[in-house]
Amino acid sequence: EVQLVESGGGLVQPGGSLRLSCAASGFWFSLSDMNWVRQAPGQGLEWVSSITYNGRSRMYADSVKGRFTISRDNAKNTLYLQMNSLKPDDTAVYYCTKDSVRGQGTQVTVSS
């Protein structure tokens, strides 16, 4: 069974940083492309970033390009999202996903 557990969210001031983690189990993580998506209050899911199974290719939504960095540690079965220069518009529940499966999410709130 695919399991994804996100952590690292919290309350941060505008301009601040957070690092999200996603612990994966139940599948061959090192052979799987992975994604981060987010859902702001009252909004639908928004794709944020993707990384190929070997980490060689990374893609970002225009809204986060230059501020967020996706990475992975296949030895630890863990996906990361480093978020810098955070803005109030980044406030959302962040999920890691494998295909259509996502975890429970972690709340990120950017507010002064």
Protein backbone atom coordinates (compact mmCIF):
# COMPACT_ATOMS: atom_id res chain seq x y z
CA GLU A 1 0.00 0.00 0.00
CA VAL A 2 1.34 3.41 -0.98
CA GLN A 3 1.83 5.64 2.05
CA LEU A 4 2.93 9.26 1.98
CA VAL A 5 3.41 11.27 5.17
CA GLU A 6 4.12 14.99 4.90
CA SER A 7 5.66 17.11 7.65
CA GLY A 8 7.41 20.42 8.20
CA GLY A 9 4.57 22.87 7.74
CA GLY A 10 3.82 25.72 10.11
CA LEU A 11 3.29 29.43 10.53
CA VAL A 12 5.94 31.66 9.00
CA GLN A 13 6.23 35.38 8.30
CA PRO A 14 6.37 36.70 4.74
CA GLY A 15 9.88 36.33 3.40
CA GLY A 16 10.57 33.35 5.62
CA SER A 17 11.47 29.77 4.77
CA LEU A 18 10.22 26.28 5.47
CA ARG A 19 11.36 22.84 4.44
CA LEU A 20 8.69 20.22 3.86
CA SER A 21 9.39 16.49 3.96
CA CYS A 22 7.44 13.54 2.65
CA ALA A 23 8.23 10.05 3.95
CA ALA A 24 7.25 7.41 1.42
CA SER A 25 6.63 3.69 1.85
CA GLY A 26 4.85 0.79 0.19
CA PHE A 27 6.34 1.24 -3.27
CA TRP A 28 9.65 1.56 -5.08
CA PHE A 29 10.33 5.20 -4.23
CA SER A 30 13.65 5.25 -6.07
CA LEU A 31 11.85 4.30 -9.31
CA SER A 32 8.99 6.78 -8.96
CA ASP A 33 8.55 10.33 -10.21
CA MET A 34 7.12 12.46 -7.43
CA ASN A 35 5.21 15.70 -7.09
CA TRP A 36 4.15 18.41 -4.70
CA VAL A 37 0.71 19.97 -5.01
CA ARG A 38 -1.12 22.42 -2.77
CA GLN A 39 -4.63 23.49 -1.95
CA ALA A 40 -5.35 26.99 -0.74
CA PRO A 41 -8.48 27.69 1.32
CA GLY A 42 -11.55 27.43 -0.89
CA GLN A 43 -9.49 26.55 -3.96
CA GLY A 44 -8.77 23.43 -5.98
CA LEU A 45 -5.53 21.52 -6.11
CA GLU A 46 -2.61 23.36 -7.70
CA TRP A 47 0.46 21.59 -9.02
CA VAL A 48 3.64 23.03 -7.49
CA SER A 49 6.61 20.93 -8.55
CA SER A 50 7.75 17.57 -9.90
CA ILE A 51 10.96 15.58 -9.84
CA THR A 52 11.95 12.51 -11.82
CA TYR A 53 12.85 9.25 -10.10
CA ASN A 54 16.59 9.98 -10.32
CA GLY A 55 16.35 13.68 -9.50
CA ARG A 56 17.82 14.74 -12.82
CA SER A 57 14.78 16.67 -13.99
CA ARG A 58 12.78 19.12 -11.90
CA MET A 59 9.86 21.28 -12.89
CA TYR A 60 8.12 24.15 -11.14
CA ALA A 61 4.95 26.15 -11.44
CA ASP A 62 5.61 29.72 -12.50
CA SER A 63 4.22 30.93 -9.18
CA VAL A 64 7.05 29.26 -7.22
CA LYS A 65 9.92 29.19 -9.71
CA GLY A 66 13.08 30.68 -8.24
CA ARG A 67 11.77 30.40 -4.67
CA PHE A 68 11.04 26.70 -4.16
CA THR A 69 13.40 23.76 -4.66
CA ILE A 70 12.29 20.14 -4.90
CA SER A 71 14.72 17.38 -4.01
CA ARG A 72 14.79 13.77 -2.92
CA ASP A 73 16.89 11.29 -0.99
CA ASN A 74 16.25 7.85 -2.44
CA ALA A 75 18.29 6.19 0.28
CA LYS A 76 15.85 7.59 2.86
CA ASN A 77 12.69 7.26 0.72
CA THR A 78 12.04 10.94 1.34
CA LEU A 79 10.92 13.83 -0.82
CA TYR A 80 11.60 17.46 0.11
CA LEU A 81 10.39 20.93 -0.78
CA GLN A 82 12.55 23.84 0.30
CA MET A 83 10.43 26.98 0.27
CA ASN A 84 12.12 30.39 0.48
CA SER A 85 10.84 33.96 0.18
CA LEU A 86 7.40 32.80 1.20
CA LYS A 87 4.38 34.95 0.39
CA PRO A 88 0.87 35.04 1.85
CA ASP A 89 -0.35 33.51 -1.44
CA ASP A 90 1.68 30.40 -0.61
CA THR A 91 -0.69 29.66 2.28
CA ALA A 92 -2.14 26.21 1.59
CA VAL A 93 -2.14 22.57 2.56
CA TYR A 94 0.81 20.96 0.80
CA TYR A 95 0.68 17.36 -0.37
CA CYS A 96 3.24 15.07 -1.90
CA THR A 97 1.84 12.78 -4.55
CA LYS A 98 2.68 9.65 -6.47
CA ASP A 99 0.36 9.40 -9.44
CA SER A 100 -3.10 10.01 -7.96
CA VAL A 101 -2.16 9.10 -4.39
CA ARG A 102 -1.43 11.82 -1.84
CA GLY A 103 -0.77 11.99 1.85
CA GLN A 104 -2.70 13.80 4.57
CA GLY A 105 -0.93 17.05 3.84
CA THR A 106 0.87 19.63 5.94
CA GLN A 107 -0.46 23.14 6.56
CA VAL A 108 1.68 26.12 5.55
CA THR A 109 0.50 29.53 6.70
CA VAL A 110 2.35 32.67 5.66
CA SER A 111 1.23 35.64 7.70
CA SER A 112 2.61 38.53 9.71
